[in-house]
Each structure stands twice: as structure tokens, then as C-alpha cells.
């Protein structure tokens, strides 16, 4: 990124410039347009020649997330609504002066900002399909264009930076139509910087466009939000992530099975960039053929068979079997924290199935397991399932601050096995609270048992509290229990 307006270049821009030669021979890997990756040189001859030259120079390796970065609106995965809106704005020539892209990490905010900048400033533009071949497109893709400035708000967040931005915004672009400011993590700007930006953001020069990217839009002042067109980037569905990874694997010449792709997609939790980073780790670990076992070994996670066995042991309240499954999993190299997270996710899916949700809402199990999960939920009971998940969640929270990780996992498993049938217990407590049953008393004859003895009522209240139903007794004196006559 060029040094303008007193802003330092983004943290990885120098790497981008150094690695432009790497990209000369690499295909974009989106399976849609066949154009070259960002920064590919048009003067380097044919694709094969450029690739060979890069290998001969021994240039550094280009990571998957950057090698296969989207270069056009059609390449965006899971953000079709954003792409459609921006295309419509360009087609109708209703292009705003300020855009806010917000969403979780790795969902394509900065990539979309670059694509929009190329669409506006491409030599053939404004266009819906940037050529990715002209000098302007290539420099924007590399983050080094003099008229499309990428600014890291985390390190350039003061009022002095904004003053310089306002001064330079009045200068016409050097070679393009617009001077575009892409401000990443804009929520990191100081309150004074936001205030200094207000007037320029409301009435910018006609040649200036602002594109703000953030993961925490709630931290941005409402006065800034009201001046921007907001686009919310959704988490990418696991199925679409798996399809994209399969496409990348094919272009990399790697064979990977469907279960391994599903594991990587679910582990990414909606982040395309996270999935590609995990996939790259697997590429280095597994070679040219990748299986689900390779993914489990790399991530330190347990296989579905191990999770199912542990789940059955907990449902059967068999503490010895549960601890045995845990020991065998740890012997295989499974991380205790990862195992507990997997177990919590498994019971989360059981909860969803028990609540009547469809297979599309399962996050950690395939939709084909919906019936089996629902049966497991009915056997456990909803109340028991909720208590079980709370125990696991509490253990995960404590593990972050403890060195006795395995002990905490074992403690959680034993506590789960000691859970009673909370559904039946809840029914008993309800009957006691309603006066149908008096603790410590035996109903006789027609059930007209009465107690006019204050001591008996206090005893009933103590017993009720011991059973966990003390909240239904007023003041702990037994006043909440209806008087009953003693059996004759």
C-alpha cells in the first residue's frame, strides 16, 4: 500500500509486493473464470513460463488463502446478497460514497472491498467484471495502488491521521476515476478520530469513496453508521465451505475424502479463511491423499466412533466406561479440551433433534444421524440434557485457567454420570409444591392426609429443600405446604 495521508501500510502489504512474482503463474482456483491470481504480471509471458520463472527464482510460498482469494463478485462464496446489491448499484449508477462491510472474521469483507475498488477503477470500468489484467486491477489486488489506499485502523487510529486523510482526500486521483479509502477494523478508531471524519464522510469530494470493514459494528458511533450503506456478511455455510475446499484440492492435485472436507468445514465455524488455513495445514501433513483420520490427528480431535461411545457411556450413567473411553482417546493423541468441545457439540445436536429441529440445523453431525440423535435425547430427557450441557460448559470454562485439564474433564464426566433422572424428580417436586404429596408422610385410605402440627410442616419443608424444591416453600417454614390431616 502506498504511503499516503500519513498512514502506515497494512501489516501484510510488504509481503504482498514481495510475492507478486509468485502469483504470475498461479491460477485463481475459483473454477469460474480461470483468471490469474491477484498481482499476476501480464508482462511475464505465458502462464507456464511465469510459473517456471517463479520456481527458478525460489520465491517464497504463497499461502492458500491468498492464492485463491476471490477476484470478482462471482467468486464470493456465501455472500451472494452482497454481490447482487453492489452489482445493482454499479449497473444503475447509484454508487454511494461510503460503505460499511460488517461480519465475522474470514467472511470476505476486505476481499469484497478490493473487488469493489477494482470494479470502480478498472480501465474498462466502472464494470461488473473487473479485468484483473490492467495495471490498476493488479495493483489493487496486491494492495499497493496509489489511488486505492488500504488503512489499518488499529495502528492508525488517532485524530492526526484523520486530519491528514482529510487533507489528502481533496487531491485528485493520480490515474484512476476515484480515490478509494479501505479502512480495515474501523471500529478501532478513537472517538476523536470518528468525530474528525464526520464532515468529510457526510460531504466528501466527488472523487472519494470510503469502504469501512469491521467485525464489531456495535462499537461504531451511530453518527458514522447513518452516513454509510451497510452490508452484513453472513457466516459461510459448512456445505459451501466444503465445496470450495474440494475445488481447491482438485486444483492442487490433492485427493481428499468427503468426511475430511466436512470436518474442516464444520471446524471453520463459518469462516472461509479459517477453513483454508486448516486445509493448508492438512496439505502439509497429509501429502497428496487426505483422510478423515489425518484431519483428526492434525486437529487433535476424536473420531465420531469415539464420541458416540463416550455419549452412550454418559447416557447409561456408566462412569467407569466413560473414563475408559476418555483414556483411550487421550492415548490416541486427542486433546482433552477439544474432546470436551466435541462432546458439548454432540449433545447440542441431540438437544436440537430433541426439540424437533430438522437435519439442516445439525452443526456437528451429519443430517442422516437426526433420528438416532432424537432417540438419544428422548432417553435422556430434556431437563437432564440441559443439566449435562451446563456441566460440560462449566468444565470448559474452568479448563482455560487450570493446569489440571484431564482431571477437570474426568470430574465433569463423573458428575454427568451421577445425574439423576431430572424429569422424574421435577415431577415429584411439582407434586410436593402443589400439596399432592407431603414429604415424610404416607397417604392412607382416601388420601385425606392432614397435618396441623407446625413441627411436621417444618420437617416437610426441610425435606423438600433437600430434594431441591425448597424454592417453592415460603420462608423455609413450610407455609407453602397445604395443611393436611394426619392419617387416622
Protein backbone atom coordinates (compact mmCIF):
# COMPACT_ATOMS: atom_id res chain seq x y z
CA UNK A 1 0.00 0.00 0.00
CA UNK A 2 1.36 3.40 -0.85
CA UNK A 3 2.45 5.70 1.96
CA UNK A 4 -0.09 8.48 1.76
CA UNK A 5 -2.03 10.58 4.23
CA UNK A 6 0.40 9.65 6.98
CA UNK A 7 -0.88 6.10 7.18
CA UNK A 8 1.40 3.14 7.50
CA UNK A 9 0.91 0.24 5.09
CA UNK A 10 -1.16 -2.69 6.17
CA UNK A 11 0.78 -5.37 8.00
CA UNK A 12 0.94 -7.80 5.11
CA UNK A 13 1.27 -5.36 2.21
CA UNK A 14 5.06 -5.63 2.04
CA UNK A 15 4.69 -9.39 1.79
CA UNK A 16 2.16 -8.92 -0.99
CA UNK A 17 4.62 -6.83 -3.04
CA UNK A 18 7.46 -9.24 -2.45
CA UNK A 19 5.33 -12.19 -3.54
CA UNK A 20 3.79 -10.72 -6.68
CA UNK A 21 6.20 -12.80 -8.72
CA UNK A 22 4.83 -15.92 -7.07
CA UNK A 23 1.39 -15.19 -8.41
CA UNK A 24 2.39 -14.81 -12.03
CA UNK A 25 1.82 -18.47 -12.79
CA UNK A 26 -0.87 -19.43 -10.31
CA UNK A 27 -4.48 -19.87 -11.36
CA UNK A 28 -7.09 -18.27 -9.16
CA UNK A 29 -8.66 -21.56 -8.25
CA UNK A 30 -12.29 -20.47 -8.23
CA UNK A 31 -13.41 -22.77 -11.02
CA UNK A 32 -15.46 -19.98 -12.60
CA UNK A 33 -13.42 -17.55 -14.64
CA UNK A 34 -9.94 -19.05 -14.94
CA UNK A 35 -8.25 -15.70 -14.44
CA UNK A 36 -4.93 -15.42 -12.76
CA UNK A 37 -4.42 -14.76 -9.10
CA UNK A 38 -4.07 -11.29 -7.68
CA UNK A 39 -0.92 -9.47 -8.65
CA UNK A 40 -0.16 -11.72 -11.63
CA UNK A 41 2.03 -9.92 -14.12
CA UNK A 42 0.76 -9.52 -17.67
CA UNK A 43 4.25 -8.88 -18.96
CA UNK A 44 5.65 -12.17 -17.81
CA UNK A 45 4.72 -14.11 -20.93
CA UNK A 46 2.61 -17.25 -20.85
CA UNK A 47 1.30 -18.82 -17.66
CA UNK A 48 3.67 -21.78 -17.77
CA UNK A 49 6.65 -19.51 -18.42
CA UNK A 50 5.79 -17.28 -15.47
CA UNK A 51 5.32 -20.28 -13.19
CA UNK A 52 8.64 -21.80 -14.21
CA UNK A 53 10.38 -18.49 -13.63
CA UNK A 54 8.90 -18.25 -10.16
CA UNK A 55 10.15 -21.73 -9.32
CA UNK A 56 13.61 -20.98 -10.67
CA UNK A 57 13.86 -17.83 -8.55
CA UNK A 58 12.99 -19.84 -5.47
CA UNK A 59 10.45 -17.26 -4.33
CA UNK A 60 8.56 -17.78 -1.12
CA UNK A 61 5.48 -19.98 -0.91
CA UNK A 62 2.10 -18.29 -1.30
CA UNK A 63 -0.47 -19.47 1.21
CA UNK A 64 -3.75 -20.99 0.03
CA UNK A 65 -5.95 -18.22 1.47
CA UNK A 66 -4.13 -15.62 -0.64
CA UNK A 67 -3.50 -17.77 -3.68
CA UNK A 68 -7.23 -18.48 -4.08
CA UNK A 69 -8.55 -15.14 -2.90
CA UNK A 70 -11.74 -14.02 -4.74
CA UNK A 71 -11.05 -11.60 -7.58
CA UNK A 72 -14.57 -10.85 -8.82
CA UNK A 73 -18.12 -10.68 -7.47
CA UNK A 74 -18.84 -14.13 -8.90
CA UNK A 75 -16.04 -15.63 -6.81
CA UNK A 76 -17.58 -14.64 -3.47
CA UNK A 77 -18.83 -17.68 -1.58
CA UNK A 78 -21.78 -17.32 0.78
CA UNK A 79 -22.18 -13.56 0.20
CA UNK A 80 -24.39 -13.60 -2.87
CA UNK A 81 -26.70 -10.97 -1.39
CA UNK A 82 -23.83 -8.50 -1.02
CA UNK A 83 -22.54 -9.19 -4.53
CA UNK A 84 -26.03 -8.71 -6.01
CA UNK A 85 -26.54 -5.38 -4.23
CA UNK A 86 -23.16 -3.99 -5.32
CA UNK A 87 -23.70 -5.14 -8.90
CA UNK A 88 -27.09 -3.42 -8.96
CA UNK A 89 -25.55 -0.20 -7.64
CA UNK A 90 -22.94 -0.21 -10.41
CA UNK A 91 -25.49 -1.06 -13.09
CA UNK A 92 -27.88 1.73 -12.08
CA UNK A 93 -25.00 4.15 -11.39
CA UNK A 94 -26.24 4.65 -7.83
CA UNK A 95 -22.88 4.18 -6.17
CA UNK A 96 -22.76 5.57 -2.66
CA UNK A 97 -19.79 7.42 -1.24
CA UNK A 98 -19.44 5.31 1.94
CA UNK A 99 -19.88 1.57 2.50
CA UNK A 100 -19.73 -0.42 5.72
CA UNK A 101 -18.91 -4.14 5.46
CA UNK A 102 -19.52 -5.93 8.75
CA UNK A 103 -19.38 -9.57 9.73
CA UNK A 104 -17.32 -12.28 11.40
CA UNK A 105 -13.69 -12.88 10.53
CA UNK A 106 -12.86 -14.61 7.28
CA UNK A 107 -16.18 -13.96 5.55
CA UNK A 108 -14.79 -11.86 2.68
CA UNK A 109 -15.10 -8.23 3.79
CA UNK A 110 -11.67 -6.98 2.68
CA UNK A 111 -11.76 -9.13 -0.46
CA UNK A 112 -15.13 -7.60 -1.40
CA UNK A 113 -13.74 -4.12 -0.74
CA UNK A 114 -10.90 -4.80 -3.17
CA UNK A 115 -13.27 -6.20 -5.78
CA UNK A 116 -15.49 -3.12 -5.50
CA UNK A 117 -12.43 -0.86 -5.83
CA UNK A 118 -11.36 -2.73 -8.97
CA UNK A 119 -14.88 -2.57 -10.42
CA UNK A 120 -14.91 1.20 -9.99
CA UNK A 121 -11.35 1.98 -11.11
CA UNK A 122 -10.68 -0.72 -13.74
CA UNK A 123 -9.56 0.69 -17.09
CA UNK A 124 -12.68 -0.91 -18.59
CA UNK A 125 -14.95 0.30 -15.82
CA UNK A 126 -16.98 1.04 -13.95
CA UNK A 127 -17.77 -2.57 -14.67
CA UNK A 128 -19.44 -5.59 -13.09
CA UNK A 129 -16.47 -7.77 -14.05
CA UNK A 130 -13.01 -6.27 -13.39
CA UNK A 131 -10.49 -7.43 -15.97
CA UNK A 132 -7.82 -8.29 -13.35
CA UNK A 133 -5.27 -7.66 -16.10
CA UNK A 134 -4.77 -3.92 -16.24
CA UNK A 135 -2.18 -2.27 -14.05
CA UNK A 136 -4.83 -0.72 -11.80
CA UNK A 137 -6.55 -4.07 -11.10
CA UNK A 138 -3.26 -5.79 -10.39
CA UNK A 139 -2.04 -3.09 -8.01
CA UNK A 140 -5.37 -3.06 -6.13
CA UNK A 141 -5.25 -6.86 -5.81
CA UNK A 142 -1.74 -6.53 -4.39
CA UNK A 143 -2.81 -3.73 -2.02
CA UNK A 144 -0.29 -1.28 -3.47
CA UNK A 145 -2.38 1.03 -5.64
CA UNK A 146 -1.81 4.75 -5.15
CA UNK A 147 -5.49 5.56 -5.53
CA UNK A 148 -6.95 2.67 -3.50
CA UNK A 149 -5.44 3.06 -0.06
CA UNK A 150 -5.80 0.26 2.49
CA UNK A 151 -5.56 1.59 6.03
CA UNK A 152 -5.24 -0.41 9.24
CA UNK A 153 -7.33 1.49 11.78
CA UNK A 154 -5.83 -0.49 14.65
CA UNK A 155 -2.46 1.22 14.20
CA UNK A 156 -3.64 4.46 12.57
CA UNK A 157 -6.47 5.43 14.87
CA UNK A 158 -5.65 8.96 16.02
CA UNK A 159 -7.11 12.33 15.14
CA UNK A 160 -3.83 13.35 13.46
CA UNK A 161 -4.20 10.51 10.96
CA UNK A 162 -7.72 11.62 10.12
CA UNK A 163 -6.59 15.23 9.65
CA UNK A 164 -4.04 14.10 7.08
CA UNK A 165 -6.64 11.89 5.40
CA UNK A 166 -8.99 14.86 5.07
CA UNK A 167 -6.24 16.98 3.53
CA UNK A 168 -5.22 14.32 1.00
CA UNK A 169 -8.83 13.45 0.15
CA UNK A 170 -9.11 16.80 -1.66
CA UNK A 171 -6.29 15.82 -4.03
CA UNK A 172 -7.49 14.28 -7.30
CA UNK A 173 -6.62 10.64 -8.03
CA UNK A 174 -3.29 10.09 -9.75
CA UNK A 175 -4.55 7.86 -12.58
CA UNK A 176 -7.94 6.33 -11.67
CA UNK A 177 -11.51 7.63 -11.52
CA UNK A 178 -11.85 7.53 -7.76
CA UNK A 179 -9.64 7.80 -4.72
CA UNK A 180 -10.82 4.92 -2.54
CA UNK A 181 -10.06 4.56 1.17
CA UNK A 182 -10.44 0.99 2.51
CA UNK A 183 -10.27 1.26 6.31
CA UNK A 184 -10.00 -2.14 7.95
CA UNK A 185 -11.16 -2.72 11.55
CA UNK A 186 -12.65 0.76 11.52
CA UNK A 187 -14.14 0.27 14.98
CA UNK A 188 -10.60 0.72 16.36
CA UNK A 189 -10.60 4.44 15.54
CA UNK A 190 -10.65 6.71 18.58
CA UNK A 191 -13.74 8.82 19.36
CA UNK A 192 -11.83 11.93 18.31
CA UNK A 193 -10.91 10.33 15.00
CA UNK A 194 -14.53 9.40 14.34
CA UNK A 195 -15.61 12.95 15.09
CA UNK A 196 -12.95 14.33 12.77
CA UNK A 197 -14.18 12.07 9.99
CA UNK A 198 -17.85 13.05 10.23
CA UNK A 199 -17.90 16.09 7.93
CA UNK A 200 -15.74 14.52 5.24
CA UNK A 201 -17.84 11.35 5.39
CA UNK A 202 -21.08 13.29 5.02
CA UNK A 203 -19.95 15.53 2.13
CA UNK A 204 -16.83 14.02 0.57
CA UNK A 205 -15.30 15.28 -2.69
CA UNK A 206 -16.97 13.65 -5.71
CA UNK A 207 -13.87 11.59 -6.48
CA UNK A 208 -13.64 9.96 -3.00
CA UNK A 209 -15.18 6.68 -1.84
CA UNK A 210 -14.92 5.17 1.64
CA UNK A 211 -15.16 1.43 2.35
CA UNK A 212 -15.14 0.50 6.05
CA UNK A 213 -14.61 -3.08 7.21
CA UNK A 214 -15.26 -4.23 10.77
CA UNK A 215 -16.03 -7.28 12.89
CA UNK A 216 -17.65 -5.21 15.65
CA UNK A 217 -20.12 -2.77 14.16
CA UNK A 218 -21.71 -2.14 17.56
CA UNK A 219 -18.60 -0.14 18.51
CA UNK A 220 -19.02 2.32 15.66
CA UNK A 221 -20.84 5.58 16.56
CA UNK A 222 -24.35 5.85 15.19
CA UNK A 223 -23.37 9.14 13.52
CA UNK A 224 -20.95 7.17 11.33
CA UNK A 225 -23.39 4.31 10.70
CA UNK A 226 -26.08 6.71 9.48
CA UNK A 227 -23.74 8.02 6.78
CA UNK A 228 -22.87 4.60 5.32
CA UNK A 229 -24.54 1.93 3.25
CA UNK A 230 -24.31 -1.14 5.48
CA UNK A 231 -23.76 -4.68 4.21
CA UNK A 232 -23.83 -7.57 6.68
CA UNK A 233 -21.65 -10.54 5.74
CA UNK A 234 -23.11 -13.86 6.89
CA UNK A 235 -21.15 -16.83 8.15
CA UNK A 236 -20.49 -19.19 5.25
CA UNK A 237 -22.44 -22.44 5.41
CA UNK A 238 -20.42 -25.58 6.01
CA UNK A 239 -21.64 -27.15 2.77
CA UNK A 240 -20.38 -24.22 0.69
CA UNK A 241 -17.06 -24.24 2.50
CA UNK A 242 -16.66 -27.95 1.75
CA UNK A 243 -17.42 -27.35 -1.93
CA UNK A 244 -14.83 -24.59 -2.12
CA UNK A 245 -12.19 -26.71 -0.40
CA UNK A 246 -12.92 -29.58 -2.78
CA UNK A 247 -12.38 -27.22 -5.71
CA UNK A 248 -9.06 -26.02 -4.27
CA UNK A 249 -7.96 -29.59 -3.59
CA UNK A 250 -8.65 -30.54 -7.21
CA UNK A 251 -6.54 -27.66 -8.48
CA UNK A 252 -3.76 -28.52 -6.07
CA UNK A 253 -3.81 -32.14 -7.26
CA UNK A 254 -4.78 -33.49 -3.84
CA UNK A 255 -7.24 -36.29 -3.15
CA UNK A 256 -9.38 -35.71 -0.06
CA UNK A 257 -12.41 -37.69 1.11
CA UNK A 258 -15.79 -36.18 1.85
CA UNK A 259 -15.68 -36.77 5.60
CA UNK A 260 -12.39 -34.90 5.88
CA UNK A 261 -13.88 -31.95 3.99
CA UNK A 262 -16.91 -31.94 6.30
CA UNK A 263 -14.66 -31.94 9.36
CA UNK A 264 -12.67 -28.97 8.10
CA UNK A 265 -15.81 -27.07 7.09
CA UNK A 266 -17.51 -27.58 10.46
CA UNK A 267 -14.33 -26.70 12.36
CA UNK A 268 -14.05 -23.38 10.47
CA UNK A 269 -17.32 -22.23 12.10
CA UNK A 270 -18.44 -20.16 9.12
CA UNK A 271 -15.06 -18.60 8.26
CA UNK A 272 -13.79 -19.32 4.76
CA UNK A 273 -10.31 -18.08 5.61
CA UNK A 274 -10.10 -20.30 8.68
CA UNK A 275 -11.10 -23.32 6.60
CA UNK A 276 -8.41 -22.58 4.04
CA UNK A 277 -5.78 -22.16 6.75
CA UNK A 278 -6.76 -25.51 8.25
CA UNK A 279 -6.75 -27.07 4.80
CA UNK A 280 -3.23 -25.82 4.21
CA UNK A 281 -2.09 -27.45 7.44
CA UNK A 282 -3.63 -30.70 6.27
CA UNK A 283 -1.90 -30.37 2.90
CA UNK A 284 1.48 -30.14 4.62
CA UNK A 285 0.61 -33.00 6.95
CA UNK A 286 -1.21 -35.48 4.73
CA UNK A 287 0.54 -35.24 1.37
CA UNK A 288 -1.46 -35.93 -1.80
CA UNK A 289 -4.14 -38.11 -0.20
CA UNK A 290 -6.02 -36.87 2.85
CA UNK A 291 -8.44 -38.86 5.00
CA UNK A 292 -10.61 -38.03 8.00
CA UNK A 293 -8.05 -39.74 10.24
CA UNK A 294 -5.39 -37.28 9.03
CA UNK A 295 -7.65 -34.37 9.93
CA UNK A 296 -8.38 -35.78 13.40
CA UNK A 297 -4.65 -36.31 14.09
CA UNK A 298 -3.79 -32.82 12.94
CA UNK A 299 -6.54 -31.06 14.88
CA UNK A 300 -6.26 -33.24 18.00
CA UNK A 301 -9.90 -34.27 17.76
CA UNK A 302 -11.62 -37.60 18.31
CA UNK A 303 -13.38 -39.64 15.66
CA UNK A 304 -17.15 -39.94 15.51
CA UNK A 305 -16.98 -43.52 16.85
CA UNK A 306 -15.15 -42.37 19.97
CA UNK A 307 -17.61 -39.52 20.58
CA UNK A 308 -20.57 -41.86 20.12
CA UNK A 309 -19.09 -44.37 22.59
CA UNK A 310 -18.50 -41.68 25.18
CA UNK A 311 -22.01 -40.35 24.69
CA UNK A 312 -23.52 -43.81 25.23
CA UNK A 313 -21.49 -44.29 28.42
CA UNK A 314 -22.75 -40.97 29.81
CA UNK A 315 -26.34 -41.76 28.87
CA UNK A 316 -26.04 -45.10 30.69
CA UNK A 317 -24.56 -43.35 33.77
CA UNK A 318 -21.54 -45.68 33.50
CA UNK A 319 -18.68 -43.63 34.93
CA UNK A 320 -16.11 -46.42 34.53
CA UNK A 321 -16.91 -46.82 30.83
CA UNK A 322 -16.81 -43.04 30.30
CA UNK A 323 -13.40 -42.72 31.94
CA UNK A 324 -12.16 -45.68 29.90
CA UNK A 325 -13.27 -44.02 26.65
CA UNK A 326 -11.54 -40.82 27.74
CA UNK A 327 -8.29 -42.65 28.49
CA UNK A 328 -8.28 -44.38 25.12
CA UNK A 329 -8.96 -41.10 23.33
CA UNK A 330 -6.09 -39.35 25.11
CA UNK A 331 -3.80 -42.27 24.28
CA UNK A 332 -4.58 -41.64 20.61
CA UNK A 333 -3.35 -38.06 20.93
CA UNK A 334 -6.71 -36.34 21.32
CA UNK A 335 -6.58 -33.00 23.14
CA UNK A 336 -8.77 -33.04 26.30
CA UNK A 337 -10.19 -29.61 25.60
CA UNK A 338 -11.00 -30.48 22.00
CA UNK A 339 -12.67 -33.70 23.14
CA UNK A 340 -14.89 -31.85 25.61
CA UNK A 341 -15.82 -29.29 22.96
CA UNK A 342 -16.72 -32.10 20.57
CA UNK A 343 -18.82 -33.74 23.25
CA UNK A 344 -20.62 -30.49 24.01
CA UNK A 345 -21.28 -30.00 20.28
CA UNK A 346 -22.59 -33.56 20.02
CA UNK A 347 -25.08 -33.01 22.86
CA UNK A 348 -26.00 -29.67 21.30
CA UNK A 349 -27.13 -31.56 18.22
CA UNK A 350 -29.02 -34.02 20.44
CA UNK A 351 -30.75 -31.02 22.02
CA UNK A 352 -31.71 -29.64 18.60
CA UNK A 353 -33.04 -33.04 17.50
CA UNK A 354 -34.99 -33.44 20.75
CA UNK A 355 -36.54 -30.00 20.27
CA UNK A 356 -37.85 -31.12 16.88
CA UNK A 357 -35.38 -29.34 14.58
CA UNK A 358 -34.58 -30.68 11.13
CA UNK A 359 -31.29 -32.13 9.94
CA UNK A 360 -30.21 -28.83 8.40
CA UNK A 361 -29.75 -27.38 11.90
CA UNK A 362 -27.26 -30.02 13.00
CA UNK A 363 -23.84 -28.39 13.33
CA UNK A 364 -21.61 -31.26 14.43
CA UNK A 365 -23.28 -34.36 12.99
CA UNK A 366 -24.48 -35.29 9.50
CA UNK A 367 -28.22 -34.85 8.83
CA UNK A 368 -28.55 -38.62 8.41
CA UNK A 369 -27.98 -39.03 12.17
CA UNK A 370 -31.06 -36.98 13.08
CA UNK A 371 -33.24 -39.96 14.09
CA UNK A 372 -30.55 -41.53 16.23
CA UNK A 373 -29.86 -38.23 17.99
CA UNK A 374 -33.57 -37.69 18.66
CA UNK A 375 -33.84 -41.15 20.25
CA UNK A 376 -30.85 -40.40 22.47
CA UNK A 377 -32.48 -37.14 23.54
CA UNK A 378 -35.75 -38.84 24.46
CA UNK A 379 -33.89 -41.40 26.58
CA UNK A 380 -32.01 -38.70 28.46
CA UNK A 381 -34.89 -36.28 28.88
CA UNK A 382 -34.74 -32.57 28.15
CA UNK A 383 -34.03 -31.49 31.74
CA UNK A 384 -31.20 -33.98 32.13
CA UNK A 385 -29.77 -32.93 28.77
CA UNK A 386 -29.75 -29.27 29.79
CA UNK A 387 -28.01 -30.05 33.10
CA UNK A 388 -25.48 -32.25 31.30
CA UNK A 389 -24.56 -29.49 28.85
CA UNK A 390 -24.19 -26.97 31.66
CA UNK A 391 -21.72 -29.28 33.42
CA UNK A 392 -19.64 -29.65 30.25
CA UNK A 393 -19.71 -25.92 29.57
CA UNK A 394 -18.63 -25.13 33.13
CA UNK A 395 -15.73 -27.58 32.81
CA UNK A 396 -14.59 -25.94 29.56
CA UNK A 397 -14.61 -22.53 31.22
CA UNK A 398 -12.54 -23.77 34.15
CA UNK A 399 -10.03 -25.52 31.89
CA UNK A 400 -8.85 -22.19 30.50
CA UNK A 401 -7.40 -21.25 33.87
CA UNK A 402 -6.22 -24.61 35.18
CA UNK A 403 -3.24 -26.87 34.59
CA UNK A 404 -5.22 -29.95 35.69
CA UNK A 405 -7.04 -30.30 32.41
CA UNK A 406 -7.53 -34.06 32.41
CA UNK A 407 -8.77 -34.05 35.99
CA UNK A 408 -11.38 -31.43 35.17
CA UNK A 409 -12.60 -33.48 32.21
CA UNK A 410 -12.84 -36.61 34.37
CA UNK A 411 -14.65 -34.64 37.06
CA UNK A 412 -17.19 -33.41 34.52
CA UNK A 413 -17.79 -36.90 33.16
CA UNK A 414 -18.34 -38.38 36.62
CA UNK A 415 -20.70 -35.55 37.57
CA UNK A 416 -22.74 -36.24 34.44
CA UNK A 417 -22.92 -39.93 35.34
CA UNK A 418 -24.16 -39.01 38.82
CA UNK A 419 -27.09 -37.01 37.43
CA UNK A 420 -30.46 -38.40 38.41
CA UNK A 421 -33.46 -38.58 36.15
CA UNK A 422 -34.29 -34.89 36.43
CA UNK A 423 -37.56 -35.27 34.54
CA UNK A 424 -38.96 -37.62 37.20
CA UNK A 425 -37.51 -35.51 40.00
CA UNK A 426 -39.13 -32.39 38.56
CA UNK A 427 -42.49 -34.13 38.51
CA UNK A 428 -42.14 -35.14 42.17
CA UNK A 429 -41.16 -31.60 43.18
CA UNK A 430 -44.19 -30.20 41.35
CA UNK A 431 -46.49 -32.59 43.18
CA UNK A 432 -44.97 -31.69 46.53
CA UNK A 433 -45.24 -27.97 45.82
CA UNK A 434 -48.89 -28.36 44.84
CA UNK A 435 -49.65 -30.31 48.04
CA UNK A 436 -50.45 -33.61 46.35
CA UNK A 437 -47.56 -35.23 48.23
CA UNK A 438 -46.30 -34.32 51.71
CA UNK A 439 -42.64 -35.33 52.19
CA UNK A 440 -42.18 -37.74 55.08
CA UNK A 441 -45.88 -38.59 55.17
CA UNK A 442 -47.66 -41.66 53.80
CA UNK A 443 -51.05 -41.24 52.20
CA UNK A 444 -53.64 -43.58 53.68
CA UNK A 445 -57.23 -44.53 52.84
CA UNK A 446 -58.68 -41.92 50.52
CA UNK A 447 -55.54 -39.81 50.68
CA UNK A 448 -57.05 -37.25 53.05
CA UNK A 449 -53.84 -36.90 54.99
CA UNK A 450 -53.68 -33.79 57.10
CA UNK A 451 -51.07 -32.20 59.32
CA UNK A 452 -51.98 -29.47 61.73
CA UNK A 453 -48.68 -29.82 63.55
CA UNK A 454 -46.26 -26.94 62.87
CA UNK A 455 -43.29 -29.19 63.58
CA UNK A 456 -44.41 -31.62 60.89
CA UNK A 457 -44.70 -28.78 58.39
CA UNK A 458 -41.17 -27.60 59.19
CA UNK A 459 -39.89 -31.13 58.72
CA UNK A 460 -41.66 -31.32 55.37
CA UNK A 461 -40.06 -28.04 54.29
CA UNK A 462 -36.57 -29.27 55.22
CA UNK A 463 -37.06 -32.48 53.27
CA UNK A 464 -38.39 -30.57 50.30
CA UNK A 465 -35.37 -28.27 50.32
CA UNK A 466 -33.07 -31.29 50.43
CA UNK A 467 -34.77 -32.60 47.31
CA UNK A 468 -34.07 -29.33 45.50
CA UNK A 469 -37.59 -27.94 45.72
CA UNK A 470 -37.09 -25.55 48.62
CA UNK A 471 -37.78 -22.57 46.39
CA UNK A 472 -41.43 -23.49 46.37
CA UNK A 473 -41.72 -23.21 50.19
CA UNK A 474 -42.20 -19.74 51.57
CA UNK A 475 -39.61 -18.63 54.08
CA UNK A 476 -38.43 -22.18 54.66
CA UNK A 477 -41.11 -22.59 57.34
CA UNK A 478 -43.41 -24.92 55.49
CA UNK A 479 -46.05 -22.24 54.95
CA UNK A 480 -46.13 -23.15 51.28
CA UNK A 481 -47.29 -26.68 52.06
CA UNK A 482 -51.05 -27.05 52.36
CA UNK A 483 -52.27 -28.33 55.70
CA UNK A 484 -53.25 -31.98 55.68
CA UNK A 485 -54.81 -34.09 58.41
CA UNK A 486 -52.79 -36.90 59.88
CA UNK A 487 -53.90 -40.36 58.90
CA UNK A 488 -56.44 -41.78 61.30
